[in-house]
Amino acid sequence: MGLLLVYFLWQAVFSHSQSVFGYEKPVMLTYVLGTSVMQALVLSSRSIDVGGQISTGDLSNYLLKPLDYFRYWLARDVADKLLNLAFVIIELGLFIILLKPSLVVPANSGLFLAAIIAAILGMVLYFYLSFLVSMTTFWFVEHNGWPTRFLFQVLIEFVAGALFPLDILPAAVYALTRFLPTSYLLFFPMQIWLGRVNFHDVWFGIGIMLAWILTLQFLVKGVWNRGIRVYEAYGR
């Protein structure tokens, strides 16, 4: 339903003009469909359950086992994304067959490969962001992490470009978003796919993504170490 609502919204916007905010109709519709697919892959995460395990004390079961807790949740994330991908292929296939939208494909294999690499890095980036949010439960055990998680999920769709391309924002605001990790979750990979990013900016953006991944990895481990010190296994 979300996909249909956004799709027909932009159909209505383009009913009186073939170009809006510097986007042609096929390009914008491709962006809308593409971000819907990307949301199922990038913005899906099983690490939302980490907060629940901390709150109930179930985390203790994993601390006593010889496994890497981060890799465990990363593996569950990958499995969840593969399942989502199967459903997305079916849903998107039916959507294309029934509505026959005009879609844009990458002009060359280089752009296609760069978009895939950016999407994979976006998944890793979101994993660390999500894990970081879940770990706030160490200090707010009573609310199970969900108020923070809900606020995070609402904001992330807006600042990641799920509702509209970020470059339609005022120039100063858009320039700021280019240095935030959230704009590289959905918006940046789709800009590569649409061919709206030059060669230099592609690698500049991927470099920023790698820098944010390393930064968040360091931050997550630091917060984890502090959280374990105050963890009291409530409910156990």
C-alpha atoms as a PDB file:
ATOM      1  CA  MET A   1       0.000   0.000   0.000  1.00  0.00           C
ATOM      2  CA  GLY A   2       2.835   2.371   0.815  1.00  0.00           C
ATOM      3  CA  LEU A   3       4.354   1.825  -2.615  1.00  0.00           C
ATOM      4  CA  LEU A   4       1.042   2.444  -4.381  1.00  0.00           C
ATOM      5  CA  LEU A   5       0.360   5.615  -2.398  1.00  0.00           C
ATOM      6  CA  VAL A   6       3.766   7.148  -3.162  1.00  0.00           C
ATOM      7  CA  TYR A   7       3.626   6.036  -6.799  1.00  0.00           C
ATOM      8  CA  PHE A   8       0.214   7.574  -7.500  1.00  0.00           C
ATOM      9  CA  LEU A   9       1.147  10.696  -5.543  1.00  0.00           C
ATOM     10  CA  TRP A  10       4.010  11.357  -7.963  1.00  0.00           C
ATOM     11  CA  GLN A  11       1.801  10.372 -10.895  1.00  0.00           C
ATOM     12  CA  ALA A  12      -0.548  13.176  -9.830  1.00  0.00           C
ATOM     13  CA  VAL A  13       2.344  15.617  -9.410  1.00  0.00           C
ATOM     14  CA  PHE A  14       3.499  14.921 -12.967  1.00  0.00           C
ATOM     15  CA  SER A  15      -0.006  15.112 -14.447  1.00  0.00           C
ATOM     16  CA  HIS A  16       0.535  18.801 -15.297  1.00  0.00           C
ATOM     17  CA  SER A  17       4.243  18.770 -16.049  1.00  0.00           C
ATOM     18  CA  GLN A  18       6.829  16.338 -17.399  1.00  0.00           C
ATOM     19  CA  SER A  19       9.602  17.816 -15.246  1.00  0.00           C
ATOM     20  CA  VAL A  20       9.413  18.609 -11.524  1.00  0.00           C
ATOM     21  CA  PHE A  21      12.343  19.621  -9.296  1.00  0.00           C
ATOM     22  CA  GLY A  22      14.708  18.785 -12.134  1.00  0.00           C
ATOM     23  CA  TYR A  23      13.392  15.225 -12.489  1.00  0.00           C
ATOM     24  CA  GLU A  24      11.690  13.825 -15.564  1.00  0.00           C
ATOM     25  CA  LYS A  25       8.679  11.619 -14.905  1.00  0.00           C
ATOM     26  CA  PRO A  26      10.359   8.240 -15.723  1.00  0.00           C
ATOM     27  CA  VAL A  27      13.347   9.169 -13.558  1.00  0.00           C
ATOM     28  CA  MET A  28      11.205  10.108 -10.554  1.00  0.00           C
ATOM     29  CA  LEU A  29       9.018   7.012 -10.864  1.00  0.00           C
ATOM     30  CA  THR A  30      12.146   4.853 -11.053  1.00  0.00           C
ATOM     31  CA  TYR A  31      13.415   6.570  -7.921  1.00  0.00           C
ATOM     32  CA  VAL A  32      10.135   5.876  -6.100  1.00  0.00           C
ATOM     33  CA  LEU A  33      10.106   2.195  -7.080  1.00  0.00           C
ATOM     34  CA  GLY A  34      13.824   1.830  -6.440  1.00  0.00           C
ATOM     35  CA  THR A  35      13.671   3.257  -2.935  1.00  0.00           C
ATOM     36  CA  SER A  36      10.807   0.885  -2.143  1.00  0.00           C
ATOM     37  CA  VAL A  37      13.045  -2.050  -3.059  1.00  0.00           C
ATOM     38  CA  MET A  38      15.958  -0.503  -1.174  1.00  0.00           C
ATOM     39  CA  GLN A  39      13.855  -0.059   1.963  1.00  0.00           C
ATOM     40  CA  ALA A  40      13.116  -3.779   2.044  1.00  0.00           C
ATOM     41  CA  LEU A  41      16.828  -4.550   1.805  1.00  0.00           C
ATOM     42  CA  VAL A  42      18.590  -1.668   3.560  1.00  0.00           C
ATOM     43  CA  LEU A  43      16.077  -0.503   6.187  1.00  0.00           C
ATOM     44  CA  SER A  44      15.196  -3.996   7.383  1.00  0.00           C
ATOM     45  CA  SER A  45      17.054  -5.274  10.424  1.00  0.00           C
ATOM     46  CA  ARG A  46      16.587  -8.047  12.959  1.00  0.00           C
ATOM     47  CA  SER A  47      18.861  -6.146  15.356  1.00  0.00           C
ATOM     48  CA  ILE A  48      15.709  -4.390  16.568  1.00  0.00           C
ATOM     49  CA  ASP A  49      15.343  -7.428  18.854  1.00  0.00           C
ATOM     50  CA  VAL A  50      18.582  -6.619  20.670  1.00  0.00           C
ATOM     51  CA  GLY A  51      16.765  -4.073  22.831  1.00  0.00           C
ATOM     52  CA  GLY A  52      14.229  -6.699  23.845  1.00  0.00           C
ATOM     53  CA  GLN A  53      16.958  -9.155  24.830  1.00  0.00           C
ATOM     54  CA  ILE A  54      18.651  -6.530  26.983  1.00  0.00           C
ATOM     55  CA  SER A  55      15.355  -5.575  28.630  1.00  0.00           C
ATOM     56  CA  THR A  56      14.282  -9.152  29.441  1.00  0.00           C
ATOM     57  CA  GLY A  57      17.730 -10.370  30.407  1.00  0.00           C
ATOM     58  CA  ASP A  58      17.860 -12.887  27.542  1.00  0.00           C
ATOM     59  CA  LEU A  59      21.153 -11.306  26.513  1.00  0.00           C
ATOM     60  CA  SER A  60      22.785 -13.380  29.249  1.00  0.00           C
ATOM     61  CA  ASN A  61      22.111 -16.548  27.227  1.00  0.00           C
ATOM     62  CA  TYR A  62      24.342 -15.219  24.446  1.00  0.00           C
ATOM     63  CA  LEU A  63      27.059 -13.798  26.668  1.00  0.00           C
ATOM     64  CA  LEU A  64      27.622 -17.292  28.074  1.00  0.00           C
ATOM     65  CA  LYS A  65      28.072 -18.843  24.621  1.00  0.00           C
ATOM     66  CA  PRO A  66      31.270 -18.866  22.522  1.00  0.00           C
ATOM     67  CA  LEU A  67      29.924 -16.699  19.710  1.00  0.00           C
ATOM     68  CA  ASP A  68      30.458 -13.192  18.389  1.00  0.00           C
ATOM     69  CA  TYR A  69      27.228 -11.340  19.232  1.00  0.00           C
ATOM     70  CA  PHE A  70      27.674  -8.777  16.456  1.00  0.00           C
ATOM     71  CA  ARG A  71      28.322 -11.390  13.764  1.00  0.00           C
ATOM     72  CA  TYR A  72      25.353 -13.391  15.023  1.00  0.00           C
ATOM     73  CA  TRP A  73      23.001 -10.462  14.448  1.00  0.00           C
ATOM     74  CA  LEU A  74      24.657  -9.572  11.156  1.00  0.00           C
ATOM     75  CA  ALA A  75      23.982 -13.126   9.947  1.00  0.00           C
ATOM     76  CA  ARG A  76      20.335 -12.830  11.016  1.00  0.00           C
ATOM     77  CA  ASP A  77      20.115  -9.488   9.214  1.00  0.00           C
ATOM     78  CA  VAL A  78      21.414 -11.024   5.980  1.00  0.00           C
ATOM     79  CA  ALA A  79      18.909 -13.886   6.224  1.00  0.00           C
ATOM     80  CA  ASP A  80      16.075 -11.424   6.813  1.00  0.00           C
ATOM     81  CA  LYS A  81      17.124  -9.318   3.823  1.00  0.00           C
ATOM     82  CA  LEU A  82      17.235 -12.370   1.544  1.00  0.00           C
ATOM     83  CA  LEU A  83      13.683 -13.252   2.578  1.00  0.00           C
ATOM     84  CA  ASN A  84      12.575  -9.668   1.959  1.00  0.00           C
ATOM     85  CA  LEU A  85      14.262  -9.722  -1.449  1.00  0.00           C
ATOM     86  CA  ALA A  86      12.175 -12.743  -2.485  1.00  0.00           C
ATOM     87  CA  PHE A  87       8.945 -10.932  -1.604  1.00  0.00           C
ATOM     88  CA  VAL A  88      10.092  -7.686  -3.225  1.00  0.00           C
ATOM     89  CA  ILE A  89      10.830  -9.432  -6.526  1.00  0.00           C
ATOM     90  CA  ILE A  90       7.304 -10.874  -6.587  1.00  0.00           C
ATOM     91  CA  GLU A  91       5.606  -7.625  -5.566  1.00  0.00           C
ATOM     92  CA  LEU A  92       7.631  -5.448  -7.925  1.00  0.00           C
ATOM     93  CA  GLY A  93       7.118  -7.917 -10.771  1.00  0.00           C
ATOM     94  CA  LEU A  94       3.339  -7.766 -10.344  1.00  0.00           C
ATOM     95  CA  PHE A  95       3.506  -3.979 -10.052  1.00  0.00           C
ATOM     96  CA  ILE A  96       5.419  -3.635 -13.331  1.00  0.00           C
ATOM     97  CA  ILE A  97       3.162  -6.120 -15.154  1.00  0.00           C
ATOM     98  CA  LEU A  98      -0.050  -4.419 -14.051  1.00  0.00           C
ATOM     99  CA  LEU A  99       0.929  -0.723 -14.266  1.00  0.00           C
ATOM    100  CA  LYS A 100       3.720  -0.879 -16.862  1.00  0.00           C
ATOM    101  CA  PRO A 101       5.606   2.184 -15.557  1.00  0.00           C
ATOM    102  CA  SER A 102       8.405   3.717 -17.614  1.00  0.00           C
ATOM    103  CA  LEU A 103      11.625   2.890 -15.776  1.00  0.00           C
ATOM    104  CA  VAL A 104      15.235   4.010 -16.117  1.00  0.00           C
ATOM    105  CA  VAL A 105      18.110   1.523 -16.057  1.00  0.00           C
ATOM    106  CA  PRO A 106      21.824   2.301 -15.576  1.00  0.00           C
ATOM    107  CA  ALA A 107      23.510   3.551 -18.735  1.00  0.00           C
ATOM    108  CA  ASN A 108      26.417   1.127 -18.334  1.00  0.00           C
ATOM    109  CA  SER A 109      27.610  -1.822 -16.262  1.00  0.00           C
ATOM    110  CA  GLY A 110      29.910   0.437 -14.232  1.00  0.00           C
ATOM    111  CA  LEU A 111      26.990   2.405 -12.821  1.00  0.00           C
ATOM    112  CA  PHE A 112      25.098  -0.816 -12.131  1.00  0.00           C
ATOM    113  CA  LEU A 113      28.042  -2.270 -10.195  1.00  0.00           C
ATOM    114  CA  ALA A 114      28.624   0.987  -8.291  1.00  0.00           C
ATOM    115  CA  ALA A 115      24.927   1.126  -7.297  1.00  0.00           C
ATOM    116  CA  ILE A 116      25.085  -2.461  -5.997  1.00  0.00           C
ATOM    117  CA  ILE A 117      28.252  -1.719  -4.003  1.00  0.00           C
ATOM    118  CA  ALA A 118      26.642   1.413  -2.515  1.00  0.00           C
ATOM    119  CA  ALA A 119      23.515  -0.579  -1.593  1.00  0.00           C
ATOM    120  CA  ILE A 120      25.578  -3.258   0.180  1.00  0.00           C
ATOM    121  CA  LEU A 121      27.521  -0.612   2.091  1.00  0.00           C
ATOM    122  CA  GLY A 122      24.183   1.015   2.955  1.00  0.00           C
ATOM    123  CA  MET A 123      23.029  -2.260   4.520  1.00  0.00           C
ATOM    124  CA  VAL A 124      26.144  -2.425   6.695  1.00  0.00           C
ATOM    125  CA  LEU A 125      25.758   1.239   7.614  1.00  0.00           C
ATOM    126  CA  TYR A 126      22.149   0.756   8.683  1.00  0.00           C
ATOM    127  CA  PHE A 127      23.072  -2.365  10.679  1.00  0.00           C
ATOM    128  CA  TYR A 128      25.404  -0.331  12.877  1.00  0.00           C
ATOM    129  CA  LEU A 129      22.934   2.548  13.199  1.00  0.00           C
ATOM    130  CA  SER A 130      20.165   0.142  14.195  1.00  0.00           C
ATOM    131  CA  PHE A 131      22.389  -1.713  16.637  1.00  0.00           C
ATOM    132  CA  LEU A 132      23.393   1.574  18.232  1.00  0.00           C
ATOM    133  CA  VAL A 133      19.748   2.529  18.757  1.00  0.00           C
ATOM    134  CA  SER A 134      18.947  -0.877  20.270  1.00  0.00           C
ATOM    135  CA  MET A 135      21.751  -0.528  22.803  1.00  0.00           C
ATOM    136  CA  THR A 136      20.108   2.518  24.377  1.00  0.00           C
ATOM    137  CA  THR A 137      18.053  -0.085  26.288  1.00  0.00           C
ATOM    138  CA  PHE A 138      21.071  -0.670  28.524  1.00  0.00           C
ATOM    139  CA  TRP A 139      20.215   2.661  30.176  1.00  0.00           C
ATOM    140  CA  PHE A 140      16.413   2.670  29.629  1.00  0.00           C
ATOM    141  CA  VAL A 141      15.462  -0.916  30.438  1.00  0.00           C
ATOM    142  CA  GLU A 142      11.869  -0.219  31.393  1.00  0.00           C
ATOM    143  CA  HIS A 143      10.654   0.920  27.947  1.00  0.00           C
ATOM    144  CA  ASN A 144      12.235  -1.974  26.016  1.00  0.00           C
ATOM    145  CA  GLY A 145      13.843   0.453  23.562  1.00  0.00           C
ATOM    146  CA  TRP A 146      10.700   0.930  21.487  1.00  0.00           C
ATOM    147  CA  PRO A 147      10.024   4.668  21.931  1.00  0.00           C
ATOM    148  CA  THR A 148      13.555   5.372  20.715  1.00  0.00           C
ATOM    149  CA  ARG A 149      13.219   2.780  17.949  1.00  0.00           C
ATOM    150  CA  PHE A 150       9.905   4.211  16.735  1.00  0.00           C
ATOM    151  CA  LEU A 151      11.308   7.740  16.575  1.00  0.00           C
ATOM    152  CA  PHE A 152      14.381   6.432  14.771  1.00  0.00           C
ATOM    153  CA  GLN A 153      12.319   4.608  12.144  1.00  0.00           C
ATOM    154  CA  VAL A 154      10.095   7.627  11.488  1.00  0.00           C
ATOM    155  CA  LEU A 155      13.035  10.000  11.079  1.00  0.00           C
ATOM    156  CA  ILE A 156      15.199   7.632   9.071  1.00  0.00           C
ATOM    157  CA  GLU A 157      12.705   7.344   6.199  1.00  0.00           C
ATOM    158  CA  PHE A 158      12.606  11.118   5.850  1.00  0.00           C
ATOM    159  CA  VAL A 159      16.346  11.824   6.040  1.00  0.00           C
ATOM    160  CA  ALA A 160      17.311   8.766   3.966  1.00  0.00           C
ATOM    161  CA  GLY A 161      15.282   9.929   0.968  1.00  0.00           C
ATOM    162  CA  ALA A 162      12.516   7.319   1.126  1.00  0.00           C
ATOM    163  CA  LEU A 163       9.730   9.844   0.532  1.00  0.00           C
ATOM    164  CA  PHE A 164      11.435  12.138  -2.001  1.00  0.00           C
ATOM    165  CA  PRO A 165      14.919  12.761  -3.465  1.00  0.00           C
ATOM    166  CA  LEU A 166      17.002  14.790  -1.044  1.00  0.00           C
ATOM    167  CA  ASP A 167      18.359  17.082  -3.757  1.00  0.00           C
ATOM    168  CA  ILE A 168      14.984  18.819  -4.065  1.00  0.00           C
ATOM    169  CA  LEU A 169      15.671  20.346  -0.645  1.00  0.00           C
ATOM    170  CA  PRO A 170      17.230  23.853  -0.388  1.00  0.00           C
ATOM    171  CA  ALA A 171      20.873  23.822  -1.526  1.00  0.00           C
ATOM    172  CA  ALA A 172      22.306  24.506   1.948  1.00  0.00           C
ATOM    173  CA  VAL A 173      20.264  21.716   3.546  1.00  0.00           C
ATOM    174  CA  TYR A 174      21.151  19.275   0.770  1.00  0.00           C
ATOM    175  CA  ALA A 175      24.853  20.097   1.109  1.00  0.00           C
ATOM    176  CA  LEU A 176      24.621  19.238   4.808  1.00  0.00           C
ATOM    177  CA  THR A 177      22.898  15.906   4.173  1.00  0.00           C
ATOM    178  CA  ARG A 178      25.762  14.785   1.927  1.00  0.00           C
ATOM    179  CA  PHE A 179      27.975  14.417   4.985  1.00  0.00           C
ATOM    180  CA  LEU A 180      25.398  12.578   7.112  1.00  0.00           C
ATOM    181  CA  PRO A 181      25.285   8.762   7.049  1.00  0.00           C
ATOM    182  CA  THR A 182      21.523   8.650   6.509  1.00  0.00           C
ATOM    183  CA  SER A 183      21.599  10.111   2.972  1.00  0.00           C
ATOM    184  CA  TYR A 184      23.735   7.160   1.849  1.00  0.00           C
ATOM    185  CA  LEU A 185      21.187   4.536   2.835  1.00  0.00           C
ATOM    186  CA  LEU A 186      18.688   5.059  -0.017  1.00  0.00           C
ATOM    187  CA  PHE A 187      19.256   8.349  -1.811  1.00  0.00           C
ATOM    188  CA  PHE A 188      22.892   7.895  -2.838  1.00  0.00           C
ATOM    189  CA  PRO A 189      22.597   4.346  -4.318  1.00  0.00           C
ATOM    190  CA  MET A 190      19.524   5.432  -6.297  1.00  0.00           C
ATOM    191  CA  GLN A 191      21.298   8.537  -7.613  1.00  0.00           C
ATOM    192  CA  ILE A 192      24.034   6.273  -8.940  1.00  0.00           C
ATOM    193  CA  TRP A 193      21.448   3.964 -10.532  1.00  0.00           C
ATOM    194  CA  LEU A 194      19.790   6.926 -12.251  1.00  0.00           C
ATOM    195  CA  GLY A 195      23.125   8.234 -13.534  1.00  0.00           C
ATOM    196  CA  ARG A 196      22.785  11.553 -11.700  1.00  0.00           C
ATOM    197  CA  VAL A 197      26.192  11.230  -9.999  1.00  0.00           C
ATOM    198  CA  ASN A 198      29.474  11.696 -11.879  1.00  0.00           C
ATOM    199  CA  PHE A 199      32.437   9.349 -11.569  1.00  0.00           C
ATOM    200  CA  HIS A 200      34.262  11.498  -9.008  1.00  0.00           C
ATOM    201  CA  ASP A 201      31.198  11.872  -6.767  1.00  0.00           C
ATOM    202  CA  VAL A 202      30.506   8.136  -6.898  1.00  0.00           C
ATOM    203  CA  TRP A 203      33.856   7.278  -5.333  1.00  0.00           C
ATOM    204  CA  PHE A 204      33.740  10.292  -3.028  1.00  0.00           C
ATOM    205  CA  GLY A 205      30.381   9.062  -1.711  1.00  0.00           C
ATOM    206  CA  ILE A 206      31.587   5.482  -1.308  1.00  0.00           C
ATOM    207  CA  GLY A 207      34.600   6.824   0.588  1.00  0.00           C
ATOM    208  CA  ILE A 208      32.294   8.720   2.954  1.00  0.00           C
ATOM    209  CA  MET A 209      30.238   5.557   3.475  1.00  0.00           C
ATOM    210  CA  LEU A 210      33.341   3.564   4.399  1.00  0.00           C
ATOM    211  CA  ALA A 211      34.428   6.314   6.784  1.00  0.00           C
ATOM    212  CA  TRP A 212      31.013   6.299   8.484  1.00  0.00           C
ATOM    213  CA  ILE A 213      31.008   2.494   8.734  1.00  0.00           C
ATOM    214  CA  LEU A 214      34.395   2.516  10.494  1.00  0.00           C
ATOM    215  CA  THR A 215      33.262   5.364  12.753  1.00  0.00           C
ATOM    216  CA  LEU A 216      30.014   3.656  13.711  1.00  0.00           C
ATOM    217  CA  GLN A 217      31.763   0.322  14.218  1.00  0.00           C
ATOM    218  CA  PHE A 218      34.119   1.976  16.696  1.00  0.00           C
ATOM    219  CA  LEU A 219      31.203   3.789  18.362  1.00  0.00           C
ATOM    220  CA  VAL A 220      29.064   0.635  18.635  1.00  0.00           C
ATOM    221  CA  LYS A 221      31.878  -1.293  20.301  1.00  0.00           C
ATOM    222  CA  GLY A 222      32.495   1.568  22.722  1.00  0.00           C
ATOM    223  CA  VAL A 223      28.810   1.841  23.666  1.00  0.00           C
ATOM    224  CA  TRP A 224      28.594  -1.957  23.965  1.00  0.00           C
ATOM    225  CA  ASN A 225      31.516  -2.066  26.401  1.00  0.00           C
ATOM    226  CA  ARG A 226      29.943   0.668  28.519  1.00  0.00           C
ATOM    227  CA  GLY A 227      26.510  -0.952  28.334  1.00  0.00           C
ATOM    228  CA  ILE A 228      27.778  -4.337  29.503  1.00  0.00           C
ATOM    229  CA  ARG A 229      29.147  -2.667  32.627  1.00  0.00           C
ATOM    230  CA  VAL A 230      25.670  -1.480  33.654  1.00  0.00           C
ATOM    231  CA  TYR A 231      23.799  -4.565  32.401  1.00  0.00           C
ATOM    232  CA  GLU A 232      22.049  -6.287  35.319  1.00  0.00           C
ATOM    233  CA  ALA A 233      20.075  -9.021  33.505  1.00  0.00           C
ATOM    234  CA  TYR A 234      16.620  -7.895  34.626  1.00  0.00           C
ATOM    235  CA  GLY A 235      14.146 -10.777  34.478  1.00  0.00           C
ATOM    236  CA  ARG A 236      16.825 -13.406  34.964  1.00  0.00           C
END
